[in-house]
């Protein structure tokens, strides 16, 4: 027959075992919840970054397209500008393309700022200054012929080749943003994998530790039970 003290010790051991099991289950549930939250947070951040990068890349392509259209509209001014009405119409189209270039450059800057990417600030600012200066040079070339006989050759000579450095800078900017998009995507995938591996290791470690503690306490309870009998 077991004594009252032995029965009390057995109840205490079983209570400790139950408490430890409950604590282990709660801890594992919390750790699993944290792992899901962490992975979900990383996924959401990755999606947001990807959206900003896609928007920046689209805007940079719009800069390319609209700048080429701007140059083409200037050529239309030169080729078809003998008639003042047609000249005004084509120059209005030129000004519209010029405005869209400026707006798209602003959108590139906005999207990259949302990413916290400061490496393009100087490049974008330089392109914007060059683009604005080029617009003034185009207008100066127009005014030179506005008061007399229309001379498209003179206007063309005044700005010939000035668009090429800006065109090259715009293409380089767009290519750089594309490379950044690819590189950032690769880094995000690697970070996701590292996070997953770390969380998986932590979860399995916690499970192992919990099983070890439960096993030790269960062994103690069984030993106490054997002693009681």
C-alpha atoms as a PDB file:
ATOM      1  CA  UNK A   1       0.000   0.000   0.000  1.00  0.00           C
ATOM      2  CA  UNK A   2       1.286   3.442  -0.906  1.00  0.00           C
ATOM      3  CA  UNK A   3       1.497   6.010   1.794  1.00  0.00           C
ATOM      4  CA  UNK A   4      -0.311   9.354   1.666  1.00  0.00           C
ATOM      5  CA  UNK A   5       3.016  11.080   1.000  1.00  0.00           C
ATOM      6  CA  UNK A   6       3.728   8.859  -1.992  1.00  0.00           C
ATOM      7  CA  UNK A   7       0.266   9.448  -3.429  1.00  0.00           C
ATOM      8  CA  UNK A   8       0.720  13.173  -2.963  1.00  0.00           C
ATOM      9  CA  UNK A   9       4.062  13.049  -4.737  1.00  0.00           C
ATOM     10  CA  UNK A  10       2.509  11.107  -7.613  1.00  0.00           C
ATOM     11  CA  UNK A  11      -0.303  13.633  -7.996  1.00  0.00           C
ATOM     12  CA  UNK A  12       2.248  16.427  -7.950  1.00  0.00           C
ATOM     13  CA  UNK A  13       4.296  14.728 -10.684  1.00  0.00           C
ATOM     14  CA  UNK A  14       1.214  14.155 -12.848  1.00  0.00           C
ATOM     15  CA  UNK A  15       0.135  17.768 -12.353  1.00  0.00           C
ATOM     16  CA  UNK A  16       3.577  18.964 -13.372  1.00  0.00           C
ATOM     17  CA  UNK A  17       3.456  16.734 -16.427  1.00  0.00           C
ATOM     18  CA  UNK A  18       0.039  18.064 -17.442  1.00  0.00           C
ATOM     19  CA  UNK A  19       1.153  21.653 -16.920  1.00  0.00           C
ATOM     20  CA  UNK A  20       4.301  21.101 -18.957  1.00  0.00           C
ATOM     21  CA  UNK A  21       2.327  19.491 -21.756  1.00  0.00           C
ATOM     22  CA  UNK A  22      -0.069  22.439 -21.825  1.00  0.00           C
ATOM     23  CA  UNK A  23       2.805  24.929 -21.741  1.00  0.00           C
ATOM     24  CA  UNK A  24       4.597  23.065 -24.530  1.00  0.00           C
ATOM     25  CA  UNK A  25       1.473  23.044 -26.695  1.00  0.00           C
ATOM     26  CA  UNK A  26       0.878  26.752 -26.121  1.00  0.00           C
ATOM     27  CA  UNK A  27       4.526  27.597 -26.847  1.00  0.00           C
ATOM     28  CA  UNK A  28       4.530  25.593 -30.057  1.00  0.00           C
ATOM     29  CA  UNK A  29       1.254  27.174 -31.133  1.00  0.00           C
ATOM     30  CA  UNK A  30       2.674  30.662 -30.523  1.00  0.00           C
ATOM     31  CA  UNK A  31       5.889  29.817 -32.346  1.00  0.00           C
ATOM     32  CA  UNK A  32       3.962  28.407 -35.291  1.00  0.00           C
ATOM     33  CA  UNK A  33       1.779  31.543 -35.353  1.00  0.00           C
ATOM     34  CA  UNK A  34       4.881  33.730 -35.340  1.00  0.00           C
ATOM     35  CA  UNK A  35       6.384  31.714 -38.187  1.00  0.00           C
ATOM     36  CA  UNK A  36       3.230  32.147 -40.289  1.00  0.00           C
ATOM     37  CA  UNK A  37       3.095  35.871 -39.478  1.00  0.00           C
ATOM     38  CA  UNK A  38       6.774  36.355 -40.294  1.00  0.00           C
ATOM     39  CA  UNK A  39       6.519  34.577 -43.633  1.00  0.00           C
ATOM     40  CA  UNK A  40       3.307  36.418 -44.502  1.00  0.00           C
ATOM     41  CA  UNK A  41       4.908  39.750 -43.639  1.00  0.00           C
ATOM     42  CA  UNK A  42       7.909  38.961 -45.820  1.00  0.00           C
ATOM     43  CA  UNK A  43       5.588  37.934 -48.640  1.00  0.00           C
ATOM     44  CA  UNK A  44       3.548  41.152 -48.402  1.00  0.00           C
ATOM     45  CA  UNK A  45       6.688  43.312 -48.307  1.00  0.00           C
ATOM     46  CA  UNK A  46       8.081  41.429 -51.295  1.00  0.00           C
ATOM     47  CA  UNK A  47       4.862  41.994 -53.240  1.00  0.00           C
ATOM     48  CA  UNK A  48       4.866  45.703 -52.381  1.00  0.00           C
ATOM     49  CA  UNK A  49       8.491  46.091 -53.454  1.00  0.00           C
ATOM     50  CA  UNK A  50       7.782  44.210 -56.664  1.00  0.00           C
ATOM     51  CA  UNK A  51       4.811  46.484 -57.403  1.00  0.00           C
ATOM     52  CA  UNK A  52       6.938  49.620 -56.915  1.00  0.00           C
ATOM     53  CA  UNK A  53       9.701  48.187 -59.096  1.00  0.00           C
ATOM     54  CA  UNK A  54       7.281  47.253 -61.878  1.00  0.00           C
ATOM     55  CA  UNK A  55       5.756  50.735 -61.717  1.00  0.00           C
ATOM     56  CA  UNK A  56       9.216  52.345 -61.826  1.00  0.00           C
ATOM     57  CA  UNK A  57      10.228  50.150 -64.737  1.00  0.00           C
ATOM     58  CA  UNK A  58       7.015  50.939 -66.632  1.00  0.00           C
ATOM     59  CA  UNK A  59       7.521  54.642 -66.004  1.00  0.00           C
ATOM     60  CA  UNK A  60      11.133  54.467 -67.221  1.00  0.00           C
ATOM     61  CA  UNK A  61       9.932  52.790 -70.413  1.00  0.00           C
ATOM     62  CA  UNK A  62       7.364  55.524 -70.835  1.00  0.00           C
ATOM     63  CA  UNK A  63      10.206  58.045 -70.539  1.00  0.00           C
ATOM     64  CA  UNK A  64      11.973  56.244 -73.382  1.00  0.00           C
ATOM     65  CA  UNK A  65       8.862  56.086 -75.566  1.00  0.00           C
ATOM     66  CA  UNK A  66       7.746  59.664 -74.952  1.00  0.00           C
ATOM     67  CA  UNK A  67      11.205  61.133 -75.450  1.00  0.00           C
ATOM     68  CA  UNK A  68      11.526  59.394 -78.795  1.00  0.00           C
ATOM     69  CA  UNK A  69       8.059  60.699 -79.653  1.00  0.00           C
ATOM     70  CA  UNK A  70       9.137  64.176 -78.594  1.00  0.00           C
ATOM     71  CA  UNK A  71      12.121  64.029 -80.953  1.00  0.00           C
ATOM     72  CA  UNK A  72       9.886  62.701 -83.735  1.00  0.00           C
ATOM     73  CA  UNK A  73       7.412  65.537 -83.207  1.00  0.00           C
ATOM     74  CA  UNK A  74      10.282  68.012 -83.505  1.00  0.00           C
ATOM     75  CA  UNK A  75      11.165  66.442 -86.838  1.00  0.00           C
ATOM     76  CA  UNK A  76       7.517  66.834 -87.853  1.00  0.00           C
ATOM     77  CA  UNK A  77       7.772  70.513 -86.965  1.00  0.00           C
ATOM     78  CA  UNK A  78      10.809  70.866 -89.226  1.00  0.00           C
ATOM     79  CA  UNK A  79       9.362  68.837 -92.108  1.00  0.00           C
ATOM     80  CA  UNK A  80       5.799  70.183 -92.075  1.00  0.00           C
ATOM     81  CA  UNK A  81       6.162  73.531 -90.329  1.00  0.00           C
ATOM     82  CA  UNK A  82       6.132  75.795 -93.370  1.00  0.00           C
ATOM     83  CA  UNK A  83       2.456  76.406 -92.712  1.00  0.00           C
ATOM     84  CA  UNK A  84       2.195  78.306 -89.394  1.00  0.00           C
ATOM     85  CA  UNK A  85      -0.988  76.452 -88.448  1.00  0.00           C
ATOM     86  CA  UNK A  86       0.634  73.058 -89.008  1.00  0.00           C
ATOM     87  CA  UNK A  87       3.772  74.235 -87.268  1.00  0.00           C
ATOM     88  CA  UNK A  88       1.771  75.180 -84.184  1.00  0.00           C
ATOM     89  CA  UNK A  89      -0.080  71.856 -84.253  1.00  0.00           C
ATOM     90  CA  UNK A  90       3.066  69.774 -84.415  1.00  0.00           C
ATOM     91  CA  UNK A  91       4.822  71.870 -81.811  1.00  0.00           C
ATOM     92  CA  UNK A  92       1.857  71.374 -79.515  1.00  0.00           C
ATOM     93  CA  UNK A  93       2.289  67.607 -79.992  1.00  0.00           C
ATOM     94  CA  UNK A  94       5.990  68.072 -79.262  1.00  0.00           C
ATOM     95  CA  UNK A  95       5.172  69.947 -76.042  1.00  0.00           C
ATOM     96  CA  UNK A  96       2.707  67.240 -75.004  1.00  0.00           C
ATOM     97  CA  UNK A  97       5.330  64.518 -75.397  1.00  0.00           C
ATOM     98  CA  UNK A  98       7.814  66.689 -73.521  1.00  0.00           C
ATOM     99  CA  UNK A  99       5.363  67.055 -70.635  1.00  0.00           C
ATOM    100  CA  UNK A 100       4.749  63.309 -70.505  1.00  0.00           C
ATOM    101  CA  UNK A 101       8.516  62.696 -70.330  1.00  0.00           C
ATOM    102  CA  UNK A 102       8.709  65.004 -67.321  1.00  0.00           C
ATOM    103  CA  UNK A 103       5.723  63.339 -65.637  1.00  0.00           C
ATOM    104  CA  UNK A 104       7.124  59.850 -66.212  1.00  0.00           C
ATOM    105  CA  UNK A 105      10.485  60.871 -64.770  1.00  0.00           C
ATOM    106  CA  UNK A 106       8.626  62.110 -61.705  1.00  0.00           C
ATOM    107  CA  UNK A 107       6.806  58.779 -61.453  1.00  0.00           C
ATOM    108  CA  UNK A 108      10.117  56.899 -61.632  1.00  0.00           C
ATOM    109  CA  UNK A 109      11.440  59.010 -58.760  1.00  0.00           C
ATOM    110  CA  UNK A 110       8.248  58.514 -56.716  1.00  0.00           C
ATOM    111  CA  UNK A 111       8.253  54.723 -57.078  1.00  0.00           C
ATOM    112  CA  UNK A 112      11.958  54.396 -56.285  1.00  0.00           C
ATOM    113  CA  UNK A 113      11.553  56.641 -53.230  1.00  0.00           C
ATOM    114  CA  UNK A 114       8.746  54.353 -52.029  1.00  0.00           C
ATOM    115  CA  UNK A 115      11.275  51.518 -52.198  1.00  0.00           C
ATOM    116  CA  UNK A 116      13.822  53.507 -50.227  1.00  0.00           C
ATOM    117  CA  UNK A 117      16.113  53.332 -53.254  1.00  0.00           C
ATOM    118  CA  UNK A 118      18.200  56.517 -53.235  1.00  0.00           C
ATOM    119  CA  UNK A 119      20.832  55.429 -55.746  1.00  0.00           C
ATOM    120  CA  UNK A 120      18.962  56.926 -58.706  1.00  0.00           C
ATOM    121  CA  UNK A 121      18.198  60.359 -57.265  1.00  0.00           C
ATOM    122  CA  UNK A 122      21.179  62.087 -58.850  1.00  0.00           C
ATOM    123  CA  UNK A 123      20.692  60.326 -62.197  1.00  0.00           C
ATOM    124  CA  UNK A 124      17.019  61.279 -62.399  1.00  0.00           C
ATOM    125  CA  UNK A 125      17.703  64.852 -61.305  1.00  0.00           C
ATOM    126  CA  UNK A 126      20.416  65.178 -63.966  1.00  0.00           C
ATOM    127  CA  UNK A 127      18.169  63.792 -66.713  1.00  0.00           C
ATOM    128  CA  UNK A 128      15.382  66.159 -65.692  1.00  0.00           C
ATOM    129  CA  UNK A 129      17.689  69.164 -65.804  1.00  0.00           C
ATOM    130  CA  UNK A 130      19.083  68.142 -69.186  1.00  0.00           C
ATOM    131  CA  UNK A 131      15.611  67.496 -70.543  1.00  0.00           C
ATOM    132  CA  UNK A 132      14.316  70.883 -69.379  1.00  0.00           C
ATOM    133  CA  UNK A 133      17.364  72.630 -70.874  1.00  0.00           C
ATOM    134  CA  UNK A 134      16.856  70.807 -74.163  1.00  0.00           C
ATOM    135  CA  UNK A 135      13.244  71.994 -74.291  1.00  0.00           C
ATOM    136  CA  UNK A 136      14.425  75.570 -73.933  1.00  0.00           C
ATOM    137  CA  UNK A 137      16.937  75.073 -76.734  1.00  0.00           C
ATOM    138  CA  UNK A 138      14.187  73.721 -79.001  1.00  0.00           C
ATOM    139  CA  UNK A 139      12.039  76.764 -78.237  1.00  0.00           C
ATOM    140  CA  UNK A 140      14.931  79.132 -78.855  1.00  0.00           C
ATOM    141  CA  UNK A 141      15.480  77.477 -82.234  1.00  0.00           C
ATOM    142  CA  UNK A 142      11.786  77.965 -83.038  1.00  0.00           C
ATOM    143  CA  UNK A 143      11.809  81.631 -82.077  1.00  0.00           C
ATOM    144  CA  UNK A 144      14.850  82.303 -84.260  1.00  0.00           C
ATOM    145  CA  UNK A 145      12.727  81.579 -87.333  1.00  0.00           C
ATOM    146  CA  UNK A 146       9.405  82.804 -86.071  1.00  0.00           C
ATOM    147  CA  UNK A 147       9.916  86.437 -87.030  1.00  0.00           C
ATOM    148  CA  UNK A 148      11.077  85.918 -90.591  1.00  0.00           C
ATOM    149  CA  UNK A 149      11.108  83.345 -93.343  1.00  0.00           C
ATOM    150  CA  UNK A 150      10.674  79.816 -92.024  1.00  0.00           C
ATOM    151  CA  UNK A 151      14.045  78.084 -92.205  1.00  0.00           C
ATOM    152  CA  UNK A 152      13.832  74.507 -90.873  1.00  0.00           C
ATOM    153  CA  UNK A 153      17.488  73.884 -91.690  1.00  0.00           C
ATOM    154  CA  UNK A 154      18.598  76.694 -89.428  1.00  0.00           C
ATOM    155  CA  UNK A 155      16.362  75.425 -86.617  1.00  0.00           C
ATOM    156  CA  UNK A 156      17.666  71.905 -87.121  1.00  0.00           C
ATOM    157  CA  UNK A 157      21.304  72.991 -86.999  1.00  0.00           C
ATOM    158  CA  UNK A 158      20.670  74.830 -83.740  1.00  0.00           C
ATOM    159  CA  UNK A 159      19.683  71.649 -81.875  1.00  0.00           C
ATOM    160  CA  UNK A 160      21.177  68.887 -84.007  1.00  0.00           C
ATOM    161  CA  UNK A 161      22.537  66.035 -81.896  1.00  0.00           C
ATOM    162  CA  UNK A 162      21.548  67.585 -78.577  1.00  0.00           C
ATOM    163  CA  UNK A 163      18.985  64.858 -77.920  1.00  0.00           C
ATOM    164  CA  UNK A 164      21.489  61.983 -78.138  1.00  0.00           C
ATOM    165  CA  UNK A 165      23.170  62.322 -74.716  1.00  0.00           C
ATOM    166  CA  UNK A 166      19.782  62.513 -73.001  1.00  0.00           C
ATOM    167  CA  UNK A 167      18.458  59.586 -75.032  1.00  0.00           C
ATOM    168  CA  UNK A 168      21.491  57.550 -73.980  1.00  0.00           C
ATOM    169  CA  UNK A 169      21.069  58.574 -70.332  1.00  0.00           C
ATOM    170  CA  UNK A 170      17.379  57.613 -70.385  1.00  0.00           C
ATOM    171  CA  UNK A 171      18.132  54.217 -71.928  1.00  0.00           C
ATOM    172  CA  UNK A 172      20.884  53.638 -69.370  1.00  0.00           C
ATOM    173  CA  UNK A 173      18.536  54.558 -66.520  1.00  0.00           C
ATOM    174  CA  UNK A 174      15.847  52.166 -67.754  1.00  0.00           C
ATOM    175  CA  UNK A 175      18.374  49.345 -68.181  1.00  0.00           C
ATOM    176  CA  UNK A 176      19.749  49.972 -64.693  1.00  0.00           C
ATOM    177  CA  UNK A 177      16.266  49.850 -63.152  1.00  0.00           C
ATOM    178  CA  UNK A 178      15.611  46.572 -64.957  1.00  0.00           C
ATOM    179  CA  UNK A 179      18.851  45.126 -63.566  1.00  0.00           C
ATOM    180  CA  UNK A 180      17.918  46.366 -60.103  1.00  0.00           C
ATOM    181  CA  UNK A 181      14.518  44.693 -60.432  1.00  0.00           C
ATOM    182  CA  UNK A 182      16.106  41.350 -61.296  1.00  0.00           C
ATOM    183  CA  UNK A 183      18.750  41.638 -58.564  1.00  0.00           C
ATOM    184  CA  UNK A 184      16.235  42.693 -55.904  1.00  0.00           C
ATOM    185  CA  UNK A 185      13.942  39.812 -56.822  1.00  0.00           C
ATOM    186  CA  UNK A 186      16.836  37.370 -56.406  1.00  0.00           C
ATOM    187  CA  UNK A 187      17.750  38.908 -53.035  1.00  0.00           C
ATOM    188  CA  UNK A 188      14.165  38.699 -51.833  1.00  0.00           C
ATOM    189  CA  UNK A 189      13.895  35.060 -52.810  1.00  0.00           C
ATOM    190  CA  UNK A 190      17.146  34.299 -50.978  1.00  0.00           C
ATOM    191  CA  UNK A 191      15.912  36.207 -47.912  1.00  0.00           C
ATOM    192  CA  UNK A 192      12.630  34.297 -47.946  1.00  0.00           C
ATOM    193  CA  UNK A 193      14.523  31.010 -48.084  1.00  0.00           C
ATOM    194  CA  UNK A 194      16.804  32.039 -45.200  1.00  0.00           C
ATOM    195  CA  UNK A 195      13.815  33.130 -43.145  1.00  0.00           C
ATOM    196  CA  UNK A 196      11.995  29.875 -43.850  1.00  0.00           C
ATOM    197  CA  UNK A 197      15.044  27.798 -42.891  1.00  0.00           C
ATOM    198  CA  UNK A 198      15.572  29.757 -39.669  1.00  0.00           C
ATOM    199  CA  UNK A 199      11.925  29.467 -38.658  1.00  0.00           C
ATOM    200  CA  UNK A 200      11.826  25.774 -39.492  1.00  0.00           C
ATOM    201  CA  UNK A 201      14.987  25.166 -37.447  1.00  0.00           C
ATOM    202  CA  UNK A 202      13.554  27.137 -34.531  1.00  0.00           C
ATOM    203  CA  UNK A 203      10.272  25.255 -34.663  1.00  0.00           C
ATOM    204  CA  UNK A 204      11.898  21.824 -34.764  1.00  0.00           C
ATOM    205  CA  UNK A 205      14.279  22.836 -31.967  1.00  0.00           C
ATOM    206  CA  UNK A 206      11.341  23.911 -29.821  1.00  0.00           C
ATOM    207  CA  UNK A 207       9.505  20.671 -30.553  1.00  0.00           C
ATOM    208  CA  UNK A 208      12.597  18.658 -29.639  1.00  0.00           C
ATOM    209  CA  UNK A 209      13.126  20.590 -26.417  1.00  0.00           C
ATOM    210  CA  UNK A 210       9.477  20.205 -25.457  1.00  0.00           C
ATOM    211  CA  UNK A 211       9.537  16.468 -26.110  1.00  0.00           C
ATOM    212  CA  UNK A 212      12.726  16.118 -24.082  1.00  0.00           C
ATOM    213  CA  UNK A 213      11.281  17.981 -21.103  1.00  0.00           C
ATOM    214  CA  UNK A 214       8.026  16.042 -21.288  1.00  0.00           C
ATOM    215  CA  UNK A 215       9.945  12.784 -21.514  1.00  0.00           C
ATOM    216  CA  UNK A 216      12.061  13.654 -18.490  1.00  0.00           C
ATOM    217  CA  UNK A 217       9.023  14.608 -16.435  1.00  0.00           C
ATOM    218  CA  UNK A 218       7.099  11.551 -17.599  1.00  0.00           C
ATOM    219  CA  UNK A 219      10.046   9.362 -16.621  1.00  0.00           C
ATOM    220  CA  UNK A 220      10.053  10.981 -13.207  1.00  0.00           C
ATOM    221  CA  UNK A 221       6.302  10.419 -12.843  1.00  0.00           C
ATOM    222  CA  UNK A 222       6.572   6.766 -13.867  1.00  0.00           C
ATOM    223  CA  UNK A 223       9.466   6.312 -11.478  1.00  0.00           C
ATOM    224  CA  UNK A 224       7.404   7.813  -8.693  1.00  0.00           C
ATOM    225  CA  UNK A 225       4.499   5.547  -9.651  1.00  0.00           C
ATOM    226  CA  UNK A 226       6.779   2.514  -9.501  1.00  0.00           C
ATOM    227  CA  UNK A 227       8.079   3.540  -6.117  1.00  0.00           C
ATOM    228  CA  UNK A 228       4.542   4.047  -4.890  1.00  0.00           C
ATOM    229  CA  UNK A 229       3.761   0.440  -5.711  1.00  0.00           C
END
